[in-house]
N, C-alpha and C. Protein backbone atom coordinates (compact mmCIF):
# COMPACT_ATOMS: atom_id res chain seq x y z
N MET A 1 19.47 -14.86 13.06
CA MET A 1 18.73 -16.08 12.85
C MET A 1 18.30 -16.17 11.38
N THR A 2 18.55 -17.29 10.76
CA THR A 2 18.12 -17.53 9.39
C THR A 2 16.95 -18.51 9.40
N ILE A 3 15.93 -18.22 8.61
CA ILE A 3 14.77 -19.11 8.50
C ILE A 3 15.07 -20.17 7.44
N ASP A 4 14.65 -21.39 7.69
CA ASP A 4 14.96 -22.48 6.76
C ASP A 4 14.22 -22.30 5.44
N ALA A 5 14.74 -22.94 4.39
CA ALA A 5 14.22 -22.80 3.03
C ALA A 5 12.76 -23.23 2.92
N ALA A 6 12.38 -24.28 3.65
CA ALA A 6 10.99 -24.76 3.59
C ALA A 6 10.02 -23.70 4.10
N THR A 7 10.41 -22.97 5.14
CA THR A 7 9.55 -21.92 5.67
C THR A 7 9.46 -20.76 4.69
N ILE A 8 10.57 -20.40 4.09
CA ILE A 8 10.55 -19.33 3.07
C ILE A 8 9.67 -19.74 1.90
N ASP A 9 9.77 -20.98 1.48
CA ASP A 9 8.91 -21.48 0.39
C ASP A 9 7.44 -21.34 0.78
N ALA A 10 7.08 -21.78 1.99
CA ALA A 10 5.68 -21.75 2.43
C ALA A 10 5.15 -20.33 2.53
N LEU A 11 5.99 -19.40 2.93
CA LEU A 11 5.54 -18.02 3.12
C LEU A 11 5.55 -17.20 1.83
N PHE A 12 6.51 -17.49 0.93
CA PHE A 12 6.68 -16.64 -0.24
C PHE A 12 6.83 -17.40 -1.56
N ARG A 13 7.86 -18.21 -1.69
CA ARG A 13 8.18 -18.76 -3.01
C ARG A 13 7.11 -19.70 -3.56
N GLU A 14 6.41 -20.41 -2.68
CA GLU A 14 5.37 -21.32 -3.15
C GLU A 14 3.97 -20.86 -2.78
N ALA A 15 3.86 -19.79 -2.01
CA ALA A 15 2.54 -19.26 -1.64
C ALA A 15 1.88 -18.65 -2.87
N ARG A 16 0.60 -18.87 -3.00
CA ARG A 16 -0.13 -18.37 -4.17
C ARG A 16 -1.38 -17.62 -3.73
N THR A 17 -1.83 -16.71 -4.54
CA THR A 17 -3.11 -16.06 -4.32
C THR A 17 -4.21 -17.06 -4.66
N GLN A 18 -5.08 -17.32 -3.70
CA GLN A 18 -6.15 -18.30 -3.90
C GLN A 18 -7.45 -17.60 -4.28
N ASN A 19 -8.17 -18.21 -5.23
CA ASN A 19 -9.46 -17.69 -5.68
C ASN A 19 -10.58 -18.70 -5.52
N LYS A 20 -10.23 -19.96 -5.25
CA LYS A 20 -11.23 -21.01 -5.04
C LYS A 20 -10.95 -21.63 -3.68
N TRP A 21 -12.05 -22.02 -3.01
CA TRP A 21 -11.92 -22.41 -1.61
C TRP A 21 -12.59 -23.74 -1.33
N LYS A 22 -11.96 -24.53 -0.49
CA LYS A 22 -12.57 -25.75 0.02
C LYS A 22 -13.60 -25.36 1.10
N ASP A 23 -14.61 -26.19 1.23
CA ASP A 23 -15.66 -25.93 2.22
C ASP A 23 -15.20 -26.44 3.58
N GLU A 24 -14.20 -25.74 4.15
CA GLU A 24 -13.65 -26.10 5.45
C GLU A 24 -13.65 -24.85 6.32
N PRO A 25 -14.25 -24.92 7.50
CA PRO A 25 -14.30 -23.73 8.35
C PRO A 25 -12.93 -23.35 8.91
N VAL A 26 -12.83 -22.11 9.34
CA VAL A 26 -11.65 -21.61 10.03
C VAL A 26 -12.09 -21.26 11.45
N SER A 27 -11.43 -21.85 12.42
CA SER A 27 -11.88 -21.71 13.81
C SER A 27 -11.51 -20.37 14.42
N ASP A 28 -12.21 -20.03 15.50
CA ASP A 28 -11.87 -18.84 16.28
C ASP A 28 -10.44 -18.93 16.78
N GLU A 29 -10.04 -20.12 17.19
CA GLU A 29 -8.69 -20.32 17.72
C GLU A 29 -7.63 -20.02 16.67
N THR A 30 -7.88 -20.43 15.43
CA THR A 30 -6.92 -20.16 14.36
C THR A 30 -6.82 -18.67 14.09
N LEU A 31 -7.95 -17.97 14.08
CA LEU A 31 -7.93 -16.53 13.83
C LEU A 31 -7.26 -15.78 14.98
N THR A 32 -7.48 -16.25 16.19
CA THR A 32 -6.80 -15.64 17.33
C THR A 32 -5.30 -15.88 17.25
N GLU A 33 -4.90 -17.09 16.89
CA GLU A 33 -3.48 -17.40 16.74
C GLU A 33 -2.85 -16.52 15.65
N LEU A 34 -3.56 -16.36 14.55
CA LEU A 34 -3.09 -15.51 13.45
C LEU A 34 -2.84 -14.08 13.97
N TYR A 35 -3.84 -13.51 14.68
CA TYR A 35 -3.66 -12.16 15.19
C TYR A 35 -2.52 -12.08 16.20
N ASP A 36 -2.41 -13.10 17.04
CA ASP A 36 -1.36 -13.09 18.06
C ASP A 36 0.05 -13.19 17.47
N ILE A 37 0.15 -13.56 16.21
CA ILE A 37 1.44 -13.51 15.49
C ILE A 37 1.62 -12.13 14.86
N LEU A 38 0.63 -11.70 14.09
CA LEU A 38 0.79 -10.47 13.29
C LEU A 38 0.97 -9.24 14.16
N LYS A 39 0.40 -9.25 15.38
CA LYS A 39 0.45 -8.04 16.21
C LYS A 39 1.88 -7.65 16.60
N PHE A 40 2.82 -8.58 16.45
CA PHE A 40 4.20 -8.28 16.81
C PHE A 40 5.00 -7.66 15.67
N GLY A 41 4.42 -7.56 14.47
CA GLY A 41 5.11 -6.90 13.37
C GLY A 41 5.33 -5.43 13.70
N PRO A 42 6.48 -4.87 13.35
CA PRO A 42 6.78 -3.49 13.74
C PRO A 42 5.94 -2.45 13.01
N THR A 43 5.60 -1.38 13.75
CA THR A 43 4.95 -0.20 13.20
C THR A 43 5.62 1.03 13.81
N SER A 44 5.43 2.17 13.18
CA SER A 44 6.03 3.42 13.67
C SER A 44 5.55 3.71 15.09
N ALA A 45 6.50 3.90 16.01
CA ALA A 45 6.18 4.20 17.41
C ALA A 45 5.18 3.19 17.98
N ASN A 46 5.22 1.96 17.46
CA ASN A 46 4.33 0.89 17.90
C ASN A 46 2.86 1.31 17.81
N CYS A 47 2.53 2.14 16.81
CA CYS A 47 1.20 2.76 16.74
C CYS A 47 0.08 1.79 16.41
N SER A 48 0.36 0.71 15.73
CA SER A 48 -0.60 -0.37 15.49
C SER A 48 -1.99 0.12 15.08
N PRO A 49 -2.10 0.84 13.95
CA PRO A 49 -3.40 1.41 13.59
C PRO A 49 -4.36 0.44 12.91
N ALA A 50 -3.90 -0.73 12.50
CA ALA A 50 -4.77 -1.66 11.76
C ALA A 50 -5.88 -2.19 12.66
N ARG A 51 -7.03 -2.38 12.05
CA ARG A 51 -8.16 -3.03 12.70
C ARG A 51 -8.64 -4.10 11.72
N PHE A 52 -9.07 -5.23 12.23
CA PHE A 52 -9.42 -6.37 11.38
C PHE A 52 -10.82 -6.85 11.71
N VAL A 53 -11.65 -6.95 10.68
CA VAL A 53 -13.00 -7.49 10.83
C VAL A 53 -13.03 -8.82 10.10
N PHE A 54 -13.20 -9.91 10.86
CA PHE A 54 -13.22 -11.26 10.30
C PHE A 54 -14.68 -11.63 10.01
N ILE A 55 -15.00 -11.68 8.73
CA ILE A 55 -16.38 -11.94 8.31
C ILE A 55 -16.51 -13.42 7.95
N ARG A 56 -17.40 -14.12 8.69
CA ARG A 56 -17.62 -15.54 8.42
C ARG A 56 -19.09 -15.88 8.22
N SER A 57 -19.98 -15.17 8.88
CA SER A 57 -21.40 -15.54 8.83
C SER A 57 -22.01 -15.17 7.48
N LYS A 58 -23.07 -15.89 7.14
CA LYS A 58 -23.78 -15.60 5.89
C LYS A 58 -24.35 -14.19 5.90
N ASP A 59 -24.88 -13.77 7.05
CA ASP A 59 -25.45 -12.42 7.14
C ASP A 59 -24.40 -11.34 6.91
N ALA A 60 -23.23 -11.51 7.53
CA ALA A 60 -22.16 -10.52 7.35
C ALA A 60 -21.66 -10.51 5.91
N LYS A 61 -21.57 -11.69 5.29
CA LYS A 61 -21.16 -11.75 3.88
C LYS A 61 -22.17 -11.01 3.00
N GLN A 62 -23.44 -11.16 3.30
CA GLN A 62 -24.47 -10.46 2.52
C GLN A 62 -24.36 -8.95 2.68
N ARG A 63 -23.97 -8.50 3.86
CA ARG A 63 -23.75 -7.07 4.07
C ARG A 63 -22.57 -6.56 3.24
N LEU A 64 -21.55 -7.42 3.07
CA LEU A 64 -20.37 -7.04 2.31
C LEU A 64 -20.60 -7.11 0.80
N SER A 65 -21.44 -8.01 0.37
CA SER A 65 -21.61 -8.31 -1.06
C SER A 65 -21.86 -7.10 -1.96
N PRO A 66 -22.74 -6.14 -1.60
CA PRO A 66 -22.99 -5.01 -2.51
C PRO A 66 -21.76 -4.14 -2.79
N ALA A 67 -20.76 -4.21 -1.91
CA ALA A 67 -19.56 -3.39 -2.10
C ALA A 67 -18.52 -4.05 -2.99
N LEU A 68 -18.71 -5.33 -3.30
CA LEU A 68 -17.70 -6.08 -4.06
C LEU A 68 -17.83 -5.87 -5.55
N SER A 69 -16.69 -5.84 -6.24
CA SER A 69 -16.74 -5.82 -7.71
C SER A 69 -17.26 -7.18 -8.18
N SER A 70 -17.81 -7.22 -9.38
CA SER A 70 -18.39 -8.48 -9.89
C SER A 70 -17.35 -9.59 -9.95
N GLY A 71 -16.10 -9.27 -10.24
CA GLY A 71 -15.06 -10.28 -10.33
C GLY A 71 -14.63 -10.85 -8.99
N ASN A 72 -14.97 -10.17 -7.91
CA ASN A 72 -14.57 -10.63 -6.57
C ASN A 72 -15.72 -11.21 -5.76
N ARG A 73 -16.95 -11.07 -6.24
CA ARG A 73 -18.11 -11.46 -5.43
C ARG A 73 -18.16 -12.96 -5.16
N ASP A 74 -18.12 -13.79 -6.19
CA ASP A 74 -18.29 -15.24 -6.00
C ASP A 74 -17.20 -15.83 -5.11
N LYS A 75 -15.95 -15.46 -5.36
CA LYS A 75 -14.87 -16.04 -4.57
C LYS A 75 -14.91 -15.57 -3.12
N THR A 76 -15.40 -14.37 -2.91
CA THR A 76 -15.52 -13.87 -1.54
C THR A 76 -16.68 -14.54 -0.81
N MET A 77 -17.77 -14.74 -1.50
CA MET A 77 -18.90 -15.43 -0.88
C MET A 77 -18.54 -16.88 -0.54
N ALA A 78 -17.65 -17.49 -1.33
CA ALA A 78 -17.25 -18.88 -1.10
C ALA A 78 -16.15 -19.03 -0.05
N ALA A 79 -15.40 -17.97 0.20
CA ALA A 79 -14.28 -18.06 1.16
C ALA A 79 -14.81 -18.27 2.57
N PRO A 80 -14.17 -19.13 3.34
CA PRO A 80 -14.60 -19.32 4.73
C PRO A 80 -14.54 -18.05 5.57
N VAL A 81 -13.55 -17.21 5.30
CA VAL A 81 -13.38 -15.95 6.04
C VAL A 81 -12.97 -14.87 5.06
N THR A 82 -13.55 -13.70 5.21
CA THR A 82 -13.07 -12.51 4.52
C THR A 82 -12.72 -11.48 5.58
N VAL A 83 -11.51 -10.96 5.50
CA VAL A 83 -11.05 -9.97 6.47
C VAL A 83 -11.12 -8.59 5.84
N ILE A 84 -11.80 -7.68 6.50
CA ILE A 84 -11.68 -6.28 6.13
C ILE A 84 -10.46 -5.76 6.87
N VAL A 85 -9.41 -5.46 6.13
CA VAL A 85 -8.21 -4.86 6.73
C VAL A 85 -8.47 -3.36 6.73
N ALA A 86 -8.63 -2.81 7.91
CA ALA A 86 -8.97 -1.40 8.07
C ALA A 86 -7.92 -0.73 8.94
N TYR A 87 -8.10 0.56 9.14
CA TYR A 87 -7.22 1.29 10.05
C TYR A 87 -8.03 2.33 10.79
N ASP A 88 -7.57 2.66 11.97
CA ASP A 88 -8.23 3.65 12.80
C ASP A 88 -7.52 4.99 12.62
N PRO A 89 -8.17 5.98 12.00
CA PRO A 89 -7.53 7.29 11.82
C PRO A 89 -7.13 7.95 13.15
N LYS A 90 -7.77 7.55 14.24
CA LYS A 90 -7.43 8.10 15.56
C LYS A 90 -6.64 7.08 16.37
N PHE A 91 -5.79 6.34 15.68
CA PHE A 91 -4.92 5.35 16.31
C PHE A 91 -4.15 5.92 17.48
N TYR A 92 -3.84 7.21 17.41
CA TYR A 92 -2.98 7.85 18.41
C TYR A 92 -3.62 7.86 19.80
N ASP A 93 -4.94 7.65 19.87
CA ASP A 93 -5.58 7.56 21.19
C ASP A 93 -5.05 6.38 22.00
N LYS A 94 -4.50 5.38 21.32
CA LYS A 94 -3.96 4.20 21.99
C LYS A 94 -2.47 4.32 22.30
N LEU A 95 -1.84 5.41 21.89
CA LEU A 95 -0.40 5.54 22.11
C LEU A 95 0.03 5.54 23.58
N PRO A 96 -0.75 6.11 24.50
CA PRO A 96 -0.33 6.00 25.90
C PRO A 96 -0.17 4.54 26.35
N GLN A 97 -1.00 3.67 25.81
CA GLN A 97 -0.91 2.24 26.10
C GLN A 97 0.22 1.57 25.32
N LEU A 98 0.34 1.92 24.03
CA LEU A 98 1.25 1.21 23.13
C LEU A 98 2.67 1.79 23.10
N PHE A 99 2.82 3.06 23.44
CA PHE A 99 4.13 3.70 23.36
C PHE A 99 4.36 4.54 24.63
N PRO A 100 4.37 3.88 25.79
CA PRO A 100 4.51 4.63 27.05
C PRO A 100 5.87 5.29 27.23
N ALA A 101 6.84 4.92 26.42
CA ALA A 101 8.18 5.50 26.55
C ALA A 101 8.18 6.99 26.26
N ASN A 102 7.18 7.48 25.48
CA ASN A 102 7.14 8.90 25.16
C ASN A 102 5.72 9.43 25.35
N PRO A 103 5.44 10.05 26.49
CA PRO A 103 4.10 10.56 26.75
C PRO A 103 3.66 11.65 25.77
N ASP A 104 4.61 12.27 25.06
CA ASP A 104 4.26 13.34 24.11
C ASP A 104 3.92 12.82 22.72
N ALA A 105 4.01 11.52 22.51
CA ALA A 105 3.81 10.96 21.16
C ALA A 105 2.43 11.28 20.59
N VAL A 106 1.42 11.32 21.42
CA VAL A 106 0.08 11.64 20.94
C VAL A 106 0.07 12.99 20.23
N LYS A 107 0.81 13.96 20.76
CA LYS A 107 0.84 15.31 20.19
C LYS A 107 1.45 15.33 18.79
N TRP A 108 2.33 14.38 18.48
CA TRP A 108 2.91 14.33 17.13
C TRP A 108 1.80 14.28 16.09
N PHE A 109 0.73 13.58 16.43
CA PHE A 109 -0.33 13.31 15.46
C PHE A 109 -1.54 14.22 15.62
N THR A 110 -1.85 14.61 16.84
CA THR A 110 -2.99 15.52 17.03
C THR A 110 -2.68 16.91 16.50
N SER A 111 -1.39 17.23 16.40
CA SER A 111 -1.01 18.55 15.89
C SER A 111 -0.69 18.54 14.40
N ASN A 112 -0.77 17.36 13.77
CA ASN A 112 -0.42 17.26 12.35
C ASN A 112 -1.32 16.22 11.69
N GLU A 113 -2.45 16.69 11.17
CA GLU A 113 -3.45 15.78 10.58
C GLU A 113 -2.89 14.99 9.41
N SER A 114 -2.07 15.62 8.60
CA SER A 114 -1.47 14.93 7.44
C SER A 114 -0.55 13.79 7.88
N LEU A 115 0.28 14.06 8.89
CA LEU A 115 1.16 13.02 9.42
C LEU A 115 0.35 11.87 9.99
N ALA A 116 -0.74 12.19 10.72
CA ALA A 116 -1.58 11.15 11.29
C ALA A 116 -2.20 10.28 10.20
N ALA A 117 -2.72 10.91 9.13
CA ALA A 117 -3.36 10.15 8.05
C ALA A 117 -2.36 9.25 7.33
N THR A 118 -1.19 9.78 7.04
CA THR A 118 -0.15 9.00 6.36
C THR A 118 0.32 7.85 7.24
N THR A 119 0.52 8.12 8.52
CA THR A 119 0.99 7.09 9.45
C THR A 119 -0.04 5.98 9.60
N ALA A 120 -1.31 6.34 9.71
CA ALA A 120 -2.37 5.34 9.86
C ALA A 120 -2.44 4.44 8.63
N PHE A 121 -2.44 5.04 7.45
CA PHE A 121 -2.57 4.24 6.23
C PHE A 121 -1.34 3.37 5.99
N ARG A 122 -0.16 3.96 6.11
CA ARG A 122 1.07 3.20 5.85
C ARG A 122 1.23 2.03 6.81
N ASN A 123 1.10 2.30 8.08
CA ASN A 123 1.31 1.25 9.08
C ASN A 123 0.17 0.24 9.11
N GLY A 124 -1.05 0.70 8.81
CA GLY A 124 -2.16 -0.24 8.69
C GLY A 124 -1.97 -1.19 7.52
N THR A 125 -1.41 -0.67 6.43
CA THR A 125 -1.11 -1.52 5.28
C THR A 125 -0.03 -2.54 5.62
N LEU A 126 1.00 -2.10 6.33
CA LEU A 126 2.03 -3.04 6.79
C LEU A 126 1.41 -4.16 7.62
N GLN A 127 0.52 -3.79 8.52
CA GLN A 127 -0.10 -4.81 9.37
C GLN A 127 -0.99 -5.75 8.56
N GLY A 128 -1.59 -5.26 7.49
CA GLY A 128 -2.34 -6.14 6.59
C GLY A 128 -1.44 -7.15 5.92
N ALA A 129 -0.23 -6.72 5.55
CA ALA A 129 0.74 -7.66 4.97
C ALA A 129 1.20 -8.66 6.02
N TYR A 130 1.36 -8.20 7.27
CA TYR A 130 1.71 -9.14 8.34
C TYR A 130 0.59 -10.18 8.51
N LEU A 131 -0.66 -9.75 8.39
CA LEU A 131 -1.78 -10.68 8.48
C LEU A 131 -1.67 -11.77 7.42
N MET A 132 -1.37 -11.37 6.19
CA MET A 132 -1.27 -12.35 5.10
C MET A 132 -0.14 -13.34 5.35
N THR A 133 0.99 -12.86 5.84
CA THR A 133 2.12 -13.75 6.14
C THR A 133 1.79 -14.66 7.31
N ALA A 134 1.19 -14.10 8.36
CA ALA A 134 0.82 -14.91 9.52
C ALA A 134 -0.21 -15.97 9.15
N ALA A 135 -1.10 -15.65 8.21
CA ALA A 135 -2.09 -16.64 7.77
C ALA A 135 -1.40 -17.88 7.22
N HIS A 136 -0.37 -17.68 6.42
CA HIS A 136 0.39 -18.84 5.90
C HIS A 136 1.05 -19.60 7.05
N MET A 137 1.51 -18.88 8.06
CA MET A 137 2.18 -19.53 9.19
C MET A 137 1.24 -20.46 9.96
N VAL A 138 -0.06 -20.14 9.98
CA VAL A 138 -1.02 -20.99 10.70
C VAL A 138 -1.75 -21.95 9.78
N GLY A 139 -1.23 -22.10 8.54
CA GLY A 139 -1.77 -23.11 7.63
C GLY A 139 -2.93 -22.68 6.77
N LEU A 140 -3.16 -21.37 6.65
CA LEU A 140 -4.26 -20.88 5.82
C LEU A 140 -3.72 -20.39 4.47
N ASP A 141 -4.58 -20.44 3.47
CA ASP A 141 -4.29 -19.84 2.19
C ASP A 141 -4.91 -18.46 2.15
N VAL A 142 -4.45 -17.64 1.22
CA VAL A 142 -4.75 -16.21 1.23
C VAL A 142 -5.13 -15.74 -0.16
N GLY A 143 -6.09 -14.84 -0.22
CA GLY A 143 -6.43 -14.15 -1.46
C GLY A 143 -6.71 -12.69 -1.16
N GLY A 144 -5.73 -11.83 -1.35
CA GLY A 144 -5.90 -10.40 -1.10
C GLY A 144 -6.62 -9.72 -2.26
N MET A 145 -7.39 -8.68 -1.97
CA MET A 145 -8.19 -8.01 -3.01
C MET A 145 -8.32 -6.51 -2.73
N SER A 146 -8.39 -5.77 -3.82
CA SER A 146 -8.72 -4.35 -3.70
C SER A 146 -9.96 -3.99 -4.51
N GLY A 147 -10.59 -4.92 -5.17
CA GLY A 147 -11.75 -4.65 -6.03
C GLY A 147 -13.04 -4.55 -5.24
N PHE A 148 -13.24 -3.42 -4.55
CA PHE A 148 -14.48 -3.19 -3.80
C PHE A 148 -14.63 -1.69 -3.58
N ASP A 149 -15.81 -1.30 -3.15
CA ASP A 149 -16.13 0.10 -2.91
C ASP A 149 -15.87 0.41 -1.44
N ASN A 150 -14.76 1.12 -1.17
CA ASN A 150 -14.39 1.44 0.21
C ASN A 150 -15.48 2.22 0.92
N ALA A 151 -16.09 3.18 0.24
CA ALA A 151 -17.10 4.02 0.89
C ALA A 151 -18.29 3.17 1.35
N LYS A 152 -18.69 2.20 0.53
CA LYS A 152 -19.81 1.32 0.92
C LYS A 152 -19.43 0.46 2.12
N VAL A 153 -18.22 -0.08 2.11
CA VAL A 153 -17.77 -0.90 3.25
C VAL A 153 -17.72 -0.05 4.51
N ASP A 154 -17.16 1.13 4.41
CA ASP A 154 -17.05 2.00 5.58
C ASP A 154 -18.43 2.38 6.13
N ALA A 155 -19.37 2.68 5.23
CA ALA A 155 -20.72 3.05 5.68
C ALA A 155 -21.41 1.86 6.34
N GLU A 156 -21.22 0.67 5.82
CA GLU A 156 -21.89 -0.51 6.34
C GLU A 156 -21.29 -1.02 7.64
N PHE A 157 -19.95 -0.99 7.74
CA PHE A 157 -19.29 -1.63 8.88
C PHE A 157 -18.68 -0.65 9.89
N PHE A 158 -18.39 0.58 9.47
CA PHE A 158 -17.61 1.47 10.34
C PHE A 158 -18.28 2.81 10.61
N ALA A 159 -19.58 2.89 10.42
CA ALA A 159 -20.28 4.17 10.60
C ALA A 159 -20.09 4.72 12.01
N TYR A 160 -19.98 3.85 13.01
CA TYR A 160 -19.88 4.31 14.39
C TYR A 160 -18.45 4.34 14.93
N SER A 161 -17.56 3.55 14.33
CA SER A 161 -16.19 3.51 14.85
C SER A 161 -15.28 4.54 14.20
N GLY A 162 -15.61 4.94 12.96
CA GLY A 162 -14.75 5.86 12.23
C GLY A 162 -13.56 5.19 11.55
N TRP A 163 -13.47 3.86 11.67
CA TRP A 163 -12.39 3.15 10.99
C TRP A 163 -12.58 3.30 9.49
N ARG A 164 -11.51 3.02 8.73
CA ARG A 164 -11.57 3.11 7.27
C ARG A 164 -10.99 1.84 6.66
N SER A 165 -11.69 1.32 5.68
CA SER A 165 -11.23 0.09 5.01
C SER A 165 -10.04 0.40 4.11
N ASN A 166 -9.15 -0.58 4.00
CA ASN A 166 -7.98 -0.47 3.15
C ASN A 166 -8.07 -1.51 2.04
N PHE A 167 -8.04 -2.79 2.41
CA PHE A 167 -8.21 -3.86 1.42
C PHE A 167 -8.85 -5.06 2.09
N LEU A 168 -9.19 -6.07 1.28
CA LEU A 168 -9.83 -7.28 1.77
C LEU A 168 -8.90 -8.46 1.59
N VAL A 169 -9.04 -9.46 2.46
CA VAL A 169 -8.25 -10.68 2.34
C VAL A 169 -9.18 -11.87 2.59
N ASN A 170 -9.29 -12.75 1.61
CA ASN A 170 -10.00 -14.00 1.81
C ASN A 170 -9.04 -15.00 2.42
N LEU A 171 -9.56 -15.78 3.39
CA LEU A 171 -8.76 -16.78 4.08
C LEU A 171 -9.50 -18.11 4.08
N GLY A 172 -8.73 -19.18 4.07
CA GLY A 172 -9.29 -20.52 4.17
C GLY A 172 -8.29 -21.52 3.64
N HIS A 173 -8.82 -22.62 3.16
CA HIS A 173 -7.98 -23.66 2.55
C HIS A 173 -8.30 -23.66 1.06
N GLY A 174 -7.31 -23.25 0.26
CA GLY A 174 -7.53 -23.08 -1.16
C GLY A 174 -7.73 -24.39 -1.90
N ASP A 175 -8.58 -24.32 -2.91
CA ASP A 175 -8.76 -25.43 -3.83
C ASP A 175 -7.83 -25.17 -5.01
N THR A 176 -6.75 -25.92 -5.08
CA THR A 176 -5.69 -25.66 -6.06
C THR A 176 -5.85 -26.43 -7.36
N ALA A 177 -6.99 -27.08 -7.56
CA ALA A 177 -7.18 -27.94 -8.74
C ALA A 177 -6.96 -27.19 -10.05
N ASP A 178 -7.44 -25.97 -10.16
CA ASP A 178 -7.32 -25.22 -11.41
C ASP A 178 -6.43 -23.99 -11.27
N LEU A 179 -5.47 -24.06 -10.37
CA LEU A 179 -4.60 -22.91 -10.14
C LEU A 179 -3.72 -22.67 -11.38
N PRO A 180 -3.77 -21.48 -11.95
CA PRO A 180 -2.95 -21.23 -13.14
C PRO A 180 -1.47 -21.12 -12.78
N PRO A 181 -0.59 -21.17 -13.76
CA PRO A 181 0.84 -20.99 -13.46
C PRO A 181 1.09 -19.64 -12.79
N ARG A 182 2.12 -19.60 -11.96
CA ARG A 182 2.46 -18.35 -11.29
C ARG A 182 2.91 -17.31 -12.32
N PRO A 183 2.38 -16.09 -12.25
CA PRO A 183 2.84 -15.04 -13.16
C PRO A 183 4.30 -14.67 -12.84
N PRO A 184 4.99 -14.08 -13.79
CA PRO A 184 6.40 -13.72 -13.56
C PRO A 184 6.53 -12.56 -12.57
N ARG A 185 7.72 -12.41 -12.05
CA ARG A 185 8.06 -11.29 -11.16
C ARG A 185 9.24 -10.54 -11.78
N LEU A 186 9.42 -9.30 -11.36
CA LEU A 186 10.57 -8.53 -11.81
C LEU A 186 11.85 -9.10 -11.23
N SER A 187 12.92 -9.03 -12.00
CA SER A 187 14.22 -9.47 -11.49
C SER A 187 14.79 -8.39 -10.56
N PHE A 188 15.82 -8.75 -9.83
CA PHE A 188 16.50 -7.80 -8.95
C PHE A 188 16.94 -6.56 -9.73
N ASP A 189 17.53 -6.75 -10.90
CA ASP A 189 18.03 -5.61 -11.69
C ASP A 189 16.91 -4.71 -12.19
N GLU A 190 15.72 -5.26 -12.38
CA GLU A 190 14.59 -4.46 -12.85
C GLU A 190 13.96 -3.66 -11.71
N ALA A 191 14.02 -4.16 -10.50
CA ALA A 191 13.28 -3.56 -9.39
C ALA A 191 14.15 -2.88 -8.34
N CYS A 192 15.47 -3.06 -8.42
CA CYS A 192 16.33 -2.60 -7.33
C CYS A 192 17.51 -1.80 -7.82
N LEU A 193 17.99 -0.93 -6.98
CA LEU A 193 19.23 -0.20 -7.23
C LEU A 193 20.18 -0.45 -6.07
N LEU A 194 21.44 -0.63 -6.38
CA LEU A 194 22.48 -0.68 -5.36
C LEU A 194 23.28 0.61 -5.48
N LEU A 195 23.28 1.40 -4.46
CA LEU A 195 23.97 2.70 -4.53
C LEU A 195 25.14 2.75 -3.56
């Protein structure tokens, strides 16, 4: 199956990182639809370690604010939704549910802490990218960020769950009035090898 050019444009070629936001709410239904798309993106052994915290309330934004870098604070406070893209280091506890084809899969990770940590972070990051793509699919604009203090976020939001933050994503309807030109990208020859 080939996806049409307009869809590729919307997801990648014309999609931009947004830093300014219109004052338009994002509904529970839209966020549920977004998750119901991204959850089907592939992960190793269907491990699905990502966890998502959708921050919309003023109180929750205030809890997040001290962890943000100064360059990310205003745009995050203005965004209708900020997602903490996190991962569960003990994702393997869900493998009996998610990967019933192999009852021994849990042991792969309980016997190898390094493998578990790498798998959680890598696959959680993939799922965060799926979230960003799915957001475009449901008509939202996206602004991904790494400028924040992970330890502060984890202490504030995940003290009891043990989850760990990876990156943040602002969601909403972008205000494109002052959007700068798109920065360049590497060409195929600069970024790829054919062997």
